Amino acid sequence: MFADRYIQKNAVYPAFIDAGVSSLLSVIVMIPCLNEPEIIQTLESLWSADPVDAHCEVIVAVNNSENSTAAVKEFNRATWRRLLDWN
């Protein structure tokens, strides 16, 4: 993969996803999620869309800034748990 060397050199945290990537993967949808109350509805919308003729992966990156309030951080933790349940 083109980014392997960069990631190995610059990664701050260990990998969050243990599963390998299919060699057939051709579409990745990356959704940044900061205090997003409707993320499950977004995923439901993607799930119900007409299928595409490609191997797809959807990644939701739940995050917050250093300046996020405690309420936002807790909301994000709850969102992460809801996403795990939805998965």
C-alpha atoms as a PDB file:
ATOM      1  CA  MET A   1       0.000   0.000   0.000  1.00  0.00           C
ATOM      2  CA  PHE A   2       1.303   3.453  -0.890  1.00  0.00           C
ATOM      3  CA  ALA A   3       0.847   4.909   2.604  1.00  0.00           C
ATOM      4  CA  ASP A   4       2.417   2.086   4.648  1.00  0.00           C
ATOM      5  CA  ARG A   5       5.755   3.808   5.157  1.00  0.00           C
ATOM      6  CA  TYR A   6       4.140   7.129   6.099  1.00  0.00           C
ATOM      7  CA  ILE A   7       1.796   5.442   8.573  1.00  0.00           C
ATOM      8  CA  GLN A   8       4.601   3.414  10.168  1.00  0.00           C
ATOM      9  CA  LYS A   9       6.688   6.543  10.567  1.00  0.00           C
ATOM     10  CA  ASN A  10       3.963   8.926  11.761  1.00  0.00           C
ATOM     11  CA  ALA A  11       1.331   6.853  13.582  1.00  0.00           C
ATOM     12  CA  VAL A  12       0.609   8.230  17.039  1.00  0.00           C
ATOM     13  CA  TYR A  13      -1.852   5.542  18.141  1.00  0.00           C
ATOM     14  CA  PRO A  14      -2.027   1.813  17.483  1.00  0.00           C
ATOM     15  CA  ALA A  15      -4.394   0.547  14.804  1.00  0.00           C
ATOM     16  CA  PHE A  16      -8.064   0.654  15.766  1.00  0.00           C
ATOM     17  CA  ILE A  17      -9.227  -1.894  13.196  1.00  0.00           C
ATOM     18  CA  ASP A  18      -7.844  -5.415  13.404  1.00  0.00           C
ATOM     19  CA  ALA A  19      -9.587  -6.836  10.342  1.00  0.00           C
ATOM     20  CA  GLY A  20      -7.623  -7.085   7.140  1.00  0.00           C
ATOM     21  CA  VAL A  21      -8.630  -5.232   4.000  1.00  0.00           C
ATOM     22  CA  SER A  22     -10.052  -7.241   1.136  1.00  0.00           C
ATOM     23  CA  SER A  23      -7.996  -7.114  -2.032  1.00  0.00           C
ATOM     24  CA  LEU A  24     -11.338  -6.498  -3.792  1.00  0.00           C
ATOM     25  CA  LEU A  25     -12.019  -3.272  -1.861  1.00  0.00           C
ATOM     26  CA  SER A  26     -12.525  -0.394  -4.259  1.00  0.00           C
ATOM     27  CA  VAL A  27     -14.697   2.178  -2.436  1.00  0.00           C
ATOM     28  CA  ILE A  28     -14.123   3.645   1.025  1.00  0.00           C
ATOM     29  CA  VAL A  29     -16.558   6.095   2.580  1.00  0.00           C
ATOM     30  CA  MET A  30     -14.948   8.017   5.443  1.00  0.00           C
ATOM     31  CA  ILE A  31     -17.330   9.902   7.724  1.00  0.00           C
ATOM     32  CA  PRO A  32     -15.845  12.264  10.323  1.00  0.00           C
ATOM     33  CA  CYS A  33     -18.142  12.335  13.347  1.00  0.00           C
ATOM     34  CA  LEU A  34     -17.882  15.183  15.842  1.00  0.00           C
ATOM     35  CA  ASN A  35     -20.997  15.665  17.969  1.00  0.00           C
ATOM     36  CA  GLU A  36     -23.213  14.212  15.219  1.00  0.00           C
ATOM     37  CA  PRO A  37     -26.634  13.285  16.619  1.00  0.00           C
ATOM     38  CA  GLU A  38     -27.839  11.771  13.327  1.00  0.00           C
ATOM     39  CA  ILE A  39     -24.922   9.499  12.424  1.00  0.00           C
ATOM     40  CA  ILE A  40     -27.051   6.353  12.711  1.00  0.00           C
ATOM     41  CA  GLN A  41     -29.592   7.854  10.296  1.00  0.00           C
ATOM     42  CA  THR A  42     -26.716   8.608   7.908  1.00  0.00           C
ATOM     43  CA  LEU A  43     -25.583   4.984   8.048  1.00  0.00           C
ATOM     44  CA  GLU A  44     -29.164   3.739   7.643  1.00  0.00           C
ATOM     45  CA  SER A  45     -29.453   5.918   4.554  1.00  0.00           C
ATOM     46  CA  LEU A  46     -26.271   4.453   3.073  1.00  0.00           C
ATOM     47  CA  TRP A  47     -27.431   0.932   3.942  1.00  0.00           C
ATOM     48  CA  SER A  48     -30.792   1.434   2.223  1.00  0.00           C
ATOM     49  CA  ALA A  49     -29.347   3.011  -0.947  1.00  0.00           C
ATOM     50  CA  ASP A  50     -29.265   1.091  -4.192  1.00  0.00           C
ATOM     51  CA  PRO A  51     -26.267  -1.233  -4.125  1.00  0.00           C
ATOM     52  CA  VAL A  52     -23.209  -0.406  -6.201  1.00  0.00           C
ATOM     53  CA  ASP A  53     -21.204  -2.949  -8.134  1.00  0.00           C
ATOM     54  CA  ALA A  54     -18.119  -2.572  -5.954  1.00  0.00           C
ATOM     55  CA  HIS A  55     -16.678  -3.760  -2.672  1.00  0.00           C
ATOM     56  CA  CYS A  56     -17.255  -0.926  -0.205  1.00  0.00           C
ATOM     57  CA  GLU A  57     -16.208  -0.062   3.330  1.00  0.00           C
ATOM     58  CA  VAL A  58     -17.642   2.661   5.549  1.00  0.00           C
ATOM     59  CA  ILE A  59     -15.470   4.092   8.327  1.00  0.00           C
ATOM     60  CA  VAL A  60     -16.903   6.461  10.924  1.00  0.00           C
ATOM     61  CA  ALA A  61     -14.193   8.421  12.740  1.00  0.00           C
ATOM     62  CA  VAL A  62     -15.683   9.589  16.044  1.00  0.00           C
ATOM     63  CA  ASN A  63     -13.465  12.370  17.317  1.00  0.00           C
ATOM     64  CA  ASN A  64     -13.303  15.604  19.243  1.00  0.00           C
ATOM     65  CA  SER A  65     -10.896  18.476  19.486  1.00  0.00           C
ATOM     66  CA  GLU A  66      -8.763  19.316  22.492  1.00  0.00           C
ATOM     67  CA  ASN A  67     -11.152  22.236  23.049  1.00  0.00           C
ATOM     68  CA  SER A  68     -14.329  20.159  23.024  1.00  0.00           C
ATOM     69  CA  THR A  69     -16.472  20.477  26.109  1.00  0.00           C
ATOM     70  CA  ALA A  70     -16.953  17.589  28.503  1.00  0.00           C
ATOM     71  CA  ALA A  71     -20.536  17.310  27.231  1.00  0.00           C
ATOM     72  CA  VAL A  72     -19.361  16.886  23.630  1.00  0.00           C
ATOM     73  CA  LYS A  73     -16.766  14.292  24.664  1.00  0.00           C
ATOM     74  CA  GLU A  74     -19.402  12.311  26.575  1.00  0.00           C
ATOM     75  CA  PHE A  75     -21.827  12.582  23.654  1.00  0.00           C
ATOM     76  CA  ASN A  76     -19.105  11.225  21.360  1.00  0.00           C
ATOM     77  CA  ARG A  77     -18.455   8.301  23.737  1.00  0.00           C
ATOM     78  CA  ALA A  78     -22.184   7.513  23.713  1.00  0.00           C
ATOM     79  CA  THR A  79     -22.205   7.800  19.915  1.00  0.00           C
ATOM     80  CA  TRP A  80     -19.298   5.365  19.681  1.00  0.00           C
ATOM     81  CA  ARG A  81     -21.208   2.840  21.832  1.00  0.00           C
ATOM     82  CA  ARG A  82     -24.338   3.300  19.674  1.00  0.00           C
ATOM     83  CA  LEU A  83     -22.270   2.714  16.544  1.00  0.00           C
ATOM     84  CA  LEU A  84     -20.851  -0.495  17.977  1.00  0.00           C
ATOM     85  CA  ASP A  85     -24.387  -1.694  18.756  1.00  0.00           C
ATOM     86  CA  TRP A  86     -25.605  -0.697  15.282  1.00  0.00           C
ATOM     87  CA  ASN A  87     -22.756  -2.528  13.595  1.00  0.00           C
END
